[in-house]
C-alpha cells in the first residue's frame, strides 16, 4: 500500500509536522461545512438535534486523525444545535459537543488499534446509550428515555456511513 506524500507546507523548517497547516485548516473547514449540510437531515427526536452531521466527523477522524475528527465533531454538533435553536440550552450543547469530540476520538483510536468495526460498535454505544445516560443529572430520566433510541439510531447511521465511505475511499487509495 503506497502512502500519499505530505506536502512541504505541513512541515516546519526543522521537519516537524505542523498541525495547523493551511491544508488541514481548509480540509477541516470543508468537513465542518459538510456537517452543516448533514445537520439538516434529522433523525426524529424530541429535541430535534439528532442528525447526520456526525458521519463527517467520524470519517474525518478515521481518515485524517482523531484531533481533526474531534474538532469537526464538536463544531458539527454546535451547527446542528444552532439549526434547532439550542433546544437544550447553550451549556448543555457545549457539553454534548465535548462528548462528541470524545466519542470520535475513542472511535478513531479503537478502530486503528483493534479493528474498524469494533470501533464502530463502540462508537454507537457511546453515542447512544452512554450519551443518554450522561444527560440524566441535567435532564432527568425523562430526557434519557426520550433520547436513547434516537441517539442510538442516529449514531448507527452516522458511524455506518463514515465506515462505509472510509472503506470505499481507502480501497481507491485516495486516503
N, C-alpha and C. Protein backbone atom coordinates (compact mmCIF):
# COMPACT_ATOMS: atom_id res chain seq x y z
N UNK A 1 0.85 -1.17 0.00
CA UNK A 1 0.00 0.00 0.00
C UNK A 1 0.89 1.24 0.00
N UNK A 2 0.74 2.07 -0.98
CA UNK A 2 1.54 3.28 -1.06
C UNK A 2 0.90 4.38 -0.23
N UNK A 3 1.75 5.26 0.25
CA UNK A 3 1.23 6.38 1.03
C UNK A 3 1.31 7.64 0.20
N UNK A 4 0.44 8.56 0.52
CA UNK A 4 0.41 9.84 -0.17
C UNK A 4 1.44 10.74 0.50
N UNK A 5 2.37 11.30 -0.23
CA UNK A 5 3.36 12.17 0.39
C UNK A 5 2.71 13.44 0.95
N UNK A 6 3.19 13.87 2.09
CA UNK A 6 2.67 15.07 2.72
C UNK A 6 3.39 16.27 2.13
N UNK A 7 2.64 17.27 1.66
CA UNK A 7 3.29 18.46 1.08
C UNK A 7 4.20 19.15 2.09
N UNK A 8 5.19 19.84 1.60
CA UNK A 8 6.16 20.52 2.45
C UNK A 8 5.51 21.52 3.40
N UNK A 9 4.36 22.10 3.05
CA UNK A 9 3.75 23.11 3.90
C UNK A 9 3.33 22.54 5.25
N UNK A 10 3.21 21.22 5.37
CA UNK A 10 2.80 20.63 6.63
C UNK A 10 3.98 20.38 7.57
N UNK A 11 5.19 20.77 7.15
CA UNK A 11 6.37 20.63 7.98
C UNK A 11 7.01 22.00 8.16
N UNK A 12 7.60 22.22 9.33
CA UNK A 12 8.30 23.48 9.53
C UNK A 12 9.75 23.32 9.07
N UNK A 13 10.58 24.31 9.33
CA UNK A 13 11.95 24.27 8.85
C UNK A 13 12.78 23.18 9.50
N UNK A 14 12.31 22.64 10.63
CA UNK A 14 13.03 21.57 11.32
C UNK A 14 12.43 20.20 11.02
N UNK A 15 11.63 20.12 9.96
CA UNK A 15 10.96 18.88 9.55
C UNK A 15 10.06 18.29 10.63
N UNK A 16 9.43 19.16 11.42
CA UNK A 16 8.46 18.71 12.41
C UNK A 16 7.07 18.99 11.85
N UNK A 17 6.18 18.04 12.03
CA UNK A 17 4.84 18.18 11.47
C UNK A 17 4.08 19.30 12.18
N UNK A 18 3.40 20.13 11.40
CA UNK A 18 2.61 21.24 11.91
C UNK A 18 1.15 20.82 11.87
N UNK A 19 0.44 20.96 12.99
CA UNK A 19 -0.97 20.58 12.99
C UNK A 19 -1.81 21.61 12.25
N UNK A 20 -1.60 22.88 12.51
CA UNK A 20 -2.45 23.93 11.92
C UNK A 20 -1.91 24.38 10.57
N UNK A 21 -1.69 23.45 9.66
CA UNK A 21 -1.26 23.82 8.32
C UNK A 21 -2.46 24.36 7.53
N UNK A 22 -2.18 25.11 6.50
CA UNK A 22 -3.29 25.66 5.69
C UNK A 22 -4.09 24.55 5.04
N UNK A 23 -3.44 23.48 4.66
CA UNK A 23 -4.13 22.35 4.06
C UNK A 23 -5.10 21.70 5.05
N UNK A 24 -4.65 21.50 6.28
CA UNK A 24 -5.50 20.87 7.29
C UNK A 24 -6.67 21.78 7.67
N UNK A 25 -6.42 23.06 7.82
CA UNK A 25 -7.49 24.00 8.16
C UNK A 25 -8.55 24.02 7.06
N UNK A 26 -8.11 24.02 5.81
CA UNK A 26 -9.06 24.00 4.69
C UNK A 26 -9.87 22.70 4.69
N UNK A 27 -9.19 21.58 4.95
CA UNK A 27 -9.90 20.29 4.97
C UNK A 27 -10.91 20.26 6.11
N UNK A 28 -10.53 20.75 7.29
CA UNK A 28 -11.47 20.78 8.41
C UNK A 28 -12.65 21.70 8.10
N UNK A 29 -12.39 22.82 7.44
CA UNK A 29 -13.48 23.74 7.08
C UNK A 29 -14.46 23.06 6.14
N UNK A 30 -13.94 22.29 5.21
CA UNK A 30 -14.82 21.57 4.28
C UNK A 30 -15.66 20.55 5.05
N UNK A 31 -15.04 19.80 5.95
CA UNK A 31 -15.79 18.79 6.70
C UNK A 31 -16.78 19.43 7.67
N UNK A 32 -16.44 20.56 8.24
CA UNK A 32 -17.39 21.26 9.11
C UNK A 32 -18.58 21.76 8.28
N UNK A 33 -18.30 22.24 7.08
CA UNK A 33 -19.40 22.66 6.20
C UNK A 33 -20.28 21.47 5.82
N UNK A 34 -19.66 20.32 5.60
CA UNK A 34 -20.45 19.11 5.31
C UNK A 34 -21.27 18.69 6.52
N UNK A 35 -20.74 18.91 7.73
CA UNK A 35 -21.53 18.67 8.94
C UNK A 35 -22.76 19.57 8.96
N UNK A 36 -22.59 20.80 8.52
CA UNK A 36 -23.73 21.73 8.47
C UNK A 36 -24.80 21.21 7.53
N UNK A 37 -24.39 20.65 6.40
CA UNK A 37 -25.35 20.07 5.47
C UNK A 37 -26.01 18.85 6.11
N UNK A 38 -25.19 17.99 6.74
CA UNK A 38 -25.72 16.81 7.41
C UNK A 38 -26.65 17.16 8.55
N UNK A 39 -26.45 18.30 9.16
CA UNK A 39 -27.31 18.71 10.28
C UNK A 39 -28.73 19.00 9.83
N UNK A 40 -28.92 19.19 8.54
CA UNK A 40 -30.27 19.43 8.02
C UNK A 40 -31.06 18.14 7.83
N UNK A 41 -30.35 16.99 7.87
CA UNK A 41 -31.01 15.69 7.73
C UNK A 41 -31.20 15.12 9.13
N UNK A 42 -32.38 15.27 9.65
CA UNK A 42 -32.67 14.93 11.04
C UNK A 42 -33.16 13.50 11.21
N UNK A 43 -32.81 12.92 12.36
CA UNK A 43 -33.42 11.69 12.84
C UNK A 43 -34.49 12.14 13.82
N UNK A 44 -35.74 11.70 13.65
CA UNK A 44 -36.80 12.18 14.54
C UNK A 44 -36.46 11.97 16.02
N UNK A 45 -36.51 13.05 16.78
CA UNK A 45 -36.23 13.00 18.21
C UNK A 45 -36.96 14.15 18.90
N UNK A 46 -37.16 14.05 20.21
CA UNK A 46 -37.85 15.12 20.93
C UNK A 46 -37.12 16.46 20.88
N UNK A 47 -35.80 16.44 20.81
CA UNK A 47 -35.05 17.69 20.81
C UNK A 47 -34.82 18.24 19.41
N UNK A 48 -34.86 17.36 18.40
CA UNK A 48 -34.62 17.79 17.03
C UNK A 48 -33.16 17.99 16.69
N UNK A 49 -32.25 17.59 17.60
CA UNK A 49 -30.83 17.80 17.36
C UNK A 49 -30.10 16.54 16.92
N UNK A 50 -30.79 15.43 16.77
CA UNK A 50 -30.15 14.21 16.29
C UNK A 50 -30.18 14.26 14.77
N UNK A 51 -29.00 14.25 14.16
CA UNK A 51 -28.92 14.44 12.71
C UNK A 51 -27.74 13.67 12.14
N UNK A 52 -27.56 13.78 10.84
CA UNK A 52 -26.47 13.07 10.16
C UNK A 52 -25.23 13.94 10.01
N UNK A 53 -24.98 14.78 10.99
CA UNK A 53 -23.78 15.62 10.97
C UNK A 53 -22.53 14.87 11.40
N UNK A 54 -22.67 13.91 12.29
CA UNK A 54 -21.50 13.24 12.86
C UNK A 54 -20.81 12.30 11.89
N UNK A 55 -21.48 11.89 10.82
CA UNK A 55 -20.85 10.99 9.85
C UNK A 55 -19.55 11.60 9.32
N UNK A 56 -19.57 12.88 9.07
CA UNK A 56 -18.39 13.55 8.52
C UNK A 56 -17.28 13.67 9.57
N UNK A 57 -17.66 13.79 10.83
CA UNK A 57 -16.67 13.84 11.90
C UNK A 57 -16.03 12.47 12.10
N UNK A 58 -16.84 11.42 12.10
CA UNK A 58 -16.28 10.07 12.24
C UNK A 58 -15.36 9.75 11.06
N UNK A 59 -15.78 10.13 9.86
CA UNK A 59 -14.93 9.90 8.69
C UNK A 59 -13.64 10.69 8.79
N UNK A 60 -13.75 11.94 9.18
CA UNK A 60 -12.57 12.80 9.29
C UNK A 60 -11.57 12.21 10.29
N UNK A 61 -12.07 11.66 11.38
CA UNK A 61 -11.19 11.07 12.39
C UNK A 61 -10.46 9.85 11.84
N UNK A 62 -11.20 8.93 11.25
CA UNK A 62 -10.58 7.69 10.78
C UNK A 62 -9.66 7.95 9.59
N UNK A 63 -9.98 8.94 8.78
CA UNK A 63 -9.16 9.22 7.60
C UNK A 63 -7.98 10.14 7.89
N UNK A 64 -8.16 11.11 8.78
CA UNK A 64 -7.13 12.13 8.97
C UNK A 64 -6.63 12.28 10.40
N UNK A 65 -7.17 11.51 11.33
CA UNK A 65 -6.67 11.56 12.71
C UNK A 65 -7.70 12.06 13.70
N UNK A 66 -7.51 11.64 14.93
CA UNK A 66 -8.50 11.93 15.97
C UNK A 66 -8.61 13.41 16.30
N UNK A 67 -7.51 14.14 16.24
CA UNK A 67 -7.59 15.57 16.58
C UNK A 67 -8.46 16.32 15.58
N UNK A 68 -8.26 16.02 14.31
CA UNK A 68 -9.06 16.66 13.27
C UNK A 68 -10.52 16.26 13.41
N UNK A 69 -10.77 14.97 13.63
CA UNK A 69 -12.13 14.49 13.80
C UNK A 69 -12.83 15.08 15.01
N UNK A 70 -12.09 15.26 16.10
CA UNK A 70 -12.69 15.83 17.32
C UNK A 70 -13.12 17.27 17.11
N UNK A 71 -12.31 18.03 16.41
CA UNK A 71 -12.66 19.43 16.12
C UNK A 71 -13.90 19.48 15.22
N UNK A 72 -13.92 18.64 14.20
CA UNK A 72 -15.06 18.60 13.29
C UNK A 72 -16.31 18.16 14.05
N UNK A 73 -16.19 17.17 14.94
CA UNK A 73 -17.35 16.68 15.71
C UNK A 73 -17.92 17.76 16.62
N UNK A 74 -17.05 18.44 17.34
CA UNK A 74 -17.52 19.47 18.28
C UNK A 74 -18.22 20.61 17.54
N UNK A 75 -17.58 21.11 16.50
CA UNK A 75 -18.19 22.21 15.76
C UNK A 75 -19.41 21.75 14.96
N UNK A 76 -19.37 20.51 14.47
CA UNK A 76 -20.51 19.96 13.75
C UNK A 76 -21.74 19.86 14.64
N UNK A 77 -21.56 19.42 15.91
CA UNK A 77 -22.71 19.36 16.80
C UNK A 77 -23.25 20.77 17.09
N UNK A 78 -22.37 21.72 17.26
CA UNK A 78 -22.84 23.08 17.54
C UNK A 78 -23.64 23.63 16.37
N UNK A 79 -23.26 23.29 15.14
CA UNK A 79 -24.04 23.72 13.97
C UNK A 79 -25.41 23.05 13.96
N UNK A 80 -25.46 21.76 14.34
CA UNK A 80 -26.75 21.07 14.41
C UNK A 80 -27.64 21.70 15.46
N UNK A 81 -27.07 21.99 16.63
CA UNK A 81 -27.85 22.63 17.69
C UNK A 81 -28.31 24.01 17.25
N UNK A 82 -27.48 24.71 16.50
CA UNK A 82 -27.85 26.04 16.00
C UNK A 82 -29.06 25.97 15.06
N UNK A 83 -29.12 24.92 14.24
CA UNK A 83 -30.24 24.81 13.30
C UNK A 83 -31.58 24.58 14.00
N UNK A 84 -31.53 24.16 15.26
CA UNK A 84 -32.77 23.93 16.02
C UNK A 84 -32.94 24.95 17.14
N UNK A 85 -32.07 25.92 17.22
CA UNK A 85 -32.21 26.97 18.23
C UNK A 85 -31.75 26.58 19.62
N UNK A 86 -30.78 25.70 19.73
CA UNK A 86 -30.23 25.25 21.02
C UNK A 86 -31.35 24.87 21.99
N UNK A 87 -32.13 23.83 21.66
CA UNK A 87 -33.29 23.49 22.50
C UNK A 87 -32.95 23.05 23.92
N UNK A 88 -31.74 22.55 24.14
CA UNK A 88 -31.34 22.13 25.49
C UNK A 88 -30.52 23.20 26.20
N UNK A 89 -30.35 24.35 25.58
CA UNK A 89 -29.55 25.43 26.16
C UNK A 89 -28.10 25.34 25.72
N UNK A 90 -27.44 26.47 25.66
CA UNK A 90 -26.05 26.53 25.20
C UNK A 90 -25.10 25.69 26.06
N UNK A 91 -25.18 25.77 27.41
CA UNK A 91 -24.25 24.95 28.21
C UNK A 91 -24.39 23.45 27.94
N UNK A 92 -25.63 22.98 27.80
CA UNK A 92 -25.85 21.56 27.54
C UNK A 92 -25.29 21.17 26.18
N UNK A 93 -25.47 22.02 25.18
CA UNK A 93 -24.95 21.70 23.85
C UNK A 93 -23.43 21.78 23.80
N UNK A 94 -22.82 22.65 24.60
CA UNK A 94 -21.36 22.65 24.71
C UNK A 94 -20.88 21.34 25.33
N UNK A 95 -21.59 20.86 26.35
CA UNK A 95 -21.28 19.57 26.98
C UNK A 95 -21.41 18.43 25.96
N UNK A 96 -22.45 18.46 25.17
CA UNK A 96 -22.66 17.42 24.15
C UNK A 96 -21.58 17.50 23.07
N UNK A 97 -21.16 18.70 22.71
CA UNK A 97 -20.11 18.82 21.69
C UNK A 97 -18.78 18.26 22.22
N UNK A 98 -18.52 18.42 23.51
CA UNK A 98 -17.32 17.81 24.11
C UNK A 98 -17.45 16.29 24.08
N UNK A 99 -18.65 15.79 24.39
CA UNK A 99 -18.89 14.34 24.31
C UNK A 99 -18.62 13.84 22.89
N UNK A 100 -19.15 14.53 21.91
CA UNK A 100 -18.97 14.10 20.52
C UNK A 100 -17.49 14.07 20.14
N UNK A 101 -16.74 15.06 20.59
CA UNK A 101 -15.30 15.07 20.33
C UNK A 101 -14.64 13.85 20.99
N UNK A 102 -15.06 13.52 22.19
CA UNK A 102 -14.50 12.36 22.89
C UNK A 102 -14.89 11.06 22.18
N UNK A 103 -16.15 10.93 21.76
CA UNK A 103 -16.60 9.69 21.11
C UNK A 103 -15.86 9.48 19.78
N UNK A 104 -15.66 10.55 19.04
CA UNK A 104 -14.95 10.45 17.76
C UNK A 104 -13.49 10.06 18.01
N UNK A 105 -12.89 10.60 19.04
CA UNK A 105 -11.51 10.26 19.39
C UNK A 105 -11.39 8.79 19.77
N UNK A 106 -12.29 8.33 20.63
CA UNK A 106 -12.27 6.93 21.05
C UNK A 106 -12.52 6.02 19.85
N UNK A 107 -13.43 6.40 18.98
CA UNK A 107 -13.68 5.62 17.76
C UNK A 107 -12.41 5.48 16.94
N UNK A 108 -11.73 6.59 16.69
CA UNK A 108 -10.53 6.55 15.86
C UNK A 108 -9.45 5.68 16.49
N UNK A 109 -9.19 5.88 17.77
CA UNK A 109 -8.13 5.12 18.43
C UNK A 109 -8.46 3.63 18.48
N UNK A 110 -9.70 3.30 18.77
CA UNK A 110 -10.11 1.90 18.83
C UNK A 110 -10.09 1.27 17.45
N UNK A 111 -10.59 1.98 16.46
CA UNK A 111 -10.62 1.44 15.10
C UNK A 111 -9.22 1.16 14.57
N UNK A 112 -8.28 2.00 14.93
CA UNK A 112 -6.91 1.83 14.44
C UNK A 112 -6.12 0.81 15.26
N UNK A 113 -6.39 0.72 16.55
CA UNK A 113 -5.64 -0.20 17.41
C UNK A 113 -6.22 -1.61 17.42
N UNK A 114 -7.55 -1.72 17.31
CA UNK A 114 -8.19 -3.04 17.40
C UNK A 114 -8.76 -3.43 16.05
N UNK A 115 -9.86 -2.81 15.65
CA UNK A 115 -10.49 -3.12 14.37
C UNK A 115 -11.53 -2.03 14.06
N UNK A 116 -11.70 -1.75 12.78
CA UNK A 116 -12.63 -0.70 12.37
C UNK A 116 -14.04 -0.96 12.88
N UNK A 117 -14.54 -2.18 12.71
CA UNK A 117 -15.92 -2.45 13.09
C UNK A 117 -16.10 -2.56 14.60
N UNK A 118 -15.07 -2.93 15.33
CA UNK A 118 -15.16 -2.88 16.79
C UNK A 118 -15.27 -1.42 17.24
N UNK A 119 -14.47 -0.56 16.63
CA UNK A 119 -14.56 0.87 16.92
C UNK A 119 -15.92 1.43 16.57
N UNK A 120 -16.51 0.92 15.48
CA UNK A 120 -17.83 1.39 15.06
C UNK A 120 -18.89 1.00 16.09
N UNK A 121 -18.87 -0.24 16.55
CA UNK A 121 -19.85 -0.69 17.56
C UNK A 121 -19.68 0.11 18.85
N UNK A 122 -18.43 0.32 19.26
CA UNK A 122 -18.18 1.10 20.47
C UNK A 122 -18.67 2.54 20.29
N UNK A 123 -18.47 3.11 19.13
CA UNK A 123 -18.92 4.49 18.87
C UNK A 123 -20.45 4.60 18.95
N UNK A 124 -21.16 3.60 18.43
CA UNK A 124 -22.62 3.62 18.51
C UNK A 124 -23.07 3.52 19.96
N UNK A 125 -22.43 2.67 20.74
CA UNK A 125 -22.78 2.54 22.16
C UNK A 125 -22.50 3.85 22.91
N UNK A 126 -21.37 4.45 22.63
CA UNK A 126 -21.03 5.73 23.28
C UNK A 126 -21.99 6.83 22.85
N UNK A 127 -22.28 6.91 21.57
CA UNK A 127 -23.12 7.97 21.04
C UNK A 127 -24.58 7.82 21.45
N UNK A 128 -25.04 6.60 21.65
CA UNK A 128 -26.44 6.35 22.01
C UNK A 128 -26.66 6.22 23.51
N UNK A 129 -26.52 5.00 24.04
CA UNK A 129 -26.82 4.78 25.46
C UNK A 129 -25.97 5.60 26.42
N UNK A 130 -24.68 5.70 26.18
CA UNK A 130 -23.81 6.43 27.13
C UNK A 130 -24.12 7.92 27.11
N UNK A 131 -24.27 8.51 25.93
CA UNK A 131 -24.64 9.93 25.87
C UNK A 131 -25.98 10.19 26.55
N UNK A 132 -26.91 9.26 26.38
CA UNK A 132 -28.22 9.40 27.03
C UNK A 132 -28.09 9.33 28.55
N UNK A 133 -27.26 8.42 29.03
CA UNK A 133 -27.04 8.31 30.48
C UNK A 133 -26.40 9.58 31.05
N UNK A 134 -25.51 10.19 30.28
CA UNK A 134 -24.79 11.37 30.78
C UNK A 134 -25.67 12.61 30.92
N UNK A 135 -26.88 12.60 30.32
CA UNK A 135 -27.77 13.75 30.47
C UNK A 135 -28.72 13.61 31.66
N UNK A 136 -28.70 12.45 32.31
CA UNK A 136 -29.61 12.24 33.45
C UNK A 136 -29.43 13.29 34.55
N UNK A 137 -28.20 13.65 34.97
CA UNK A 137 -28.07 14.67 36.02
C UNK A 137 -28.66 16.03 35.65
N UNK A 138 -28.73 16.32 34.37
CA UNK A 138 -29.23 17.62 33.92
C UNK A 138 -30.70 17.56 33.53
N UNK A 139 -31.07 16.53 32.74
CA UNK A 139 -32.42 16.46 32.21
C UNK A 139 -33.31 15.40 32.84
N UNK A 140 -32.75 14.58 33.71
CA UNK A 140 -33.53 13.55 34.38
C UNK A 140 -33.76 12.32 33.51
N UNK A 141 -34.50 11.36 34.08
CA UNK A 141 -34.76 10.11 33.38
C UNK A 141 -35.69 10.29 32.19
N UNK A 142 -36.51 11.32 32.22
CA UNK A 142 -37.40 11.58 31.08
C UNK A 142 -36.61 11.90 29.82
N UNK A 143 -35.60 12.76 29.95
CA UNK A 143 -34.77 13.09 28.80
C UNK A 143 -33.96 11.87 28.35
N UNK A 144 -33.47 11.10 29.32
CA UNK A 144 -32.75 9.87 28.99
C UNK A 144 -33.64 8.95 28.16
N UNK A 145 -34.85 8.70 28.62
CA UNK A 145 -35.77 7.80 27.92
C UNK A 145 -36.14 8.34 26.54
N UNK A 146 -36.26 9.64 26.43
CA UNK A 146 -36.63 10.24 25.15
C UNK A 146 -35.49 10.21 24.14
N UNK A 147 -34.25 10.23 24.61
CA UNK A 147 -33.11 10.34 23.70
C UNK A 147 -32.43 9.02 23.35
N UNK A 148 -32.59 8.00 24.17
CA UNK A 148 -31.78 6.79 23.96
C UNK A 148 -32.00 6.16 22.59
N UNK A 149 -33.22 6.01 22.15
CA UNK A 149 -33.48 5.38 20.85
C UNK A 149 -33.03 6.28 19.68
N UNK A 150 -33.44 7.56 19.64
CA UNK A 150 -32.99 8.38 18.50
C UNK A 150 -31.47 8.55 18.44
N UNK A 151 -30.81 8.68 19.59
CA UNK A 151 -29.36 8.82 19.58
C UNK A 151 -28.67 7.54 19.11
N UNK A 152 -29.20 6.40 19.51
CA UNK A 152 -28.61 5.13 19.08
C UNK A 152 -28.81 4.92 17.58
N UNK A 153 -30.00 5.19 17.10
CA UNK A 153 -30.28 5.05 15.65
C UNK A 153 -29.42 6.05 14.87
N UNK A 154 -29.40 7.30 15.32
CA UNK A 154 -28.59 8.32 14.65
C UNK A 154 -27.11 7.97 14.68
N UNK A 155 -26.63 7.48 15.82
CA UNK A 155 -25.23 7.06 15.92
C UNK A 155 -24.91 5.93 14.96
N UNK A 156 -25.82 4.95 14.87
CA UNK A 156 -25.61 3.83 13.96
C UNK A 156 -25.52 4.33 12.51
N UNK A 157 -26.43 5.17 12.11
CA UNK A 157 -26.44 5.67 10.73
C UNK A 157 -25.16 6.47 10.45
N UNK A 158 -24.80 7.37 11.35
CA UNK A 158 -23.60 8.19 11.17
C UNK A 158 -22.34 7.34 11.07
N UNK A 159 -22.18 6.41 11.98
CA UNK A 159 -20.97 5.58 12.01
C UNK A 159 -20.93 4.66 10.80
N UNK A 160 -22.06 4.10 10.42
CA UNK A 160 -22.11 3.21 9.26
C UNK A 160 -21.72 3.97 7.99
N UNK A 161 -22.26 5.17 7.82
CA UNK A 161 -21.92 5.98 6.65
C UNK A 161 -20.41 6.28 6.64
N UNK A 162 -19.87 6.67 7.79
CA UNK A 162 -18.45 7.02 7.87
C UNK A 162 -17.56 5.83 7.56
N UNK A 163 -17.86 4.68 8.16
CA UNK A 163 -17.04 3.48 7.94
C UNK A 163 -17.13 3.00 6.50
N UNK A 164 -18.32 2.99 5.95
CA UNK A 164 -18.50 2.55 4.57
C UNK A 164 -17.77 3.48 3.61
N UNK A 165 -17.92 4.78 3.80
CA UNK A 165 -17.22 5.74 2.94
C UNK A 165 -15.70 5.58 3.07
N UNK A 166 -15.23 5.39 4.30
CA UNK A 166 -13.80 5.23 4.51
C UNK A 166 -13.27 3.98 3.80
N UNK A 167 -13.99 2.87 3.91
CA UNK A 167 -13.54 1.64 3.25
C UNK A 167 -13.53 1.78 1.73
N UNK A 168 -14.52 2.46 1.19
CA UNK A 168 -14.57 2.67 -0.26
C UNK A 168 -13.41 3.56 -0.71
N UNK A 169 -13.20 4.64 0.00
CA UNK A 169 -12.12 5.56 -0.38
C UNK A 169 -10.75 4.96 -0.13
N UNK A 170 -10.64 4.18 0.95
CA UNK A 170 -9.37 3.52 1.24
C UNK A 170 -9.02 2.52 0.13
N UNK A 171 -10.02 1.80 -0.35
CA UNK A 171 -9.81 0.83 -1.42
C UNK A 171 -9.35 1.53 -2.70
N UNK A 172 -9.81 2.76 -2.91
CA UNK A 172 -9.39 3.52 -4.09
C UNK A 172 -8.05 4.20 -3.88
N UNK A 173 -7.50 4.07 -2.68
CA UNK A 173 -6.18 4.63 -2.29
C UNK A 173 -6.15 6.16 -2.34
N UNK A 174 -7.30 6.78 -2.08
CA UNK A 174 -7.35 8.23 -2.05
C UNK A 174 -6.97 8.76 -0.67
N UNK A 175 -7.12 7.93 0.37
CA UNK A 175 -6.77 8.33 1.74
C UNK A 175 -5.71 7.41 2.25
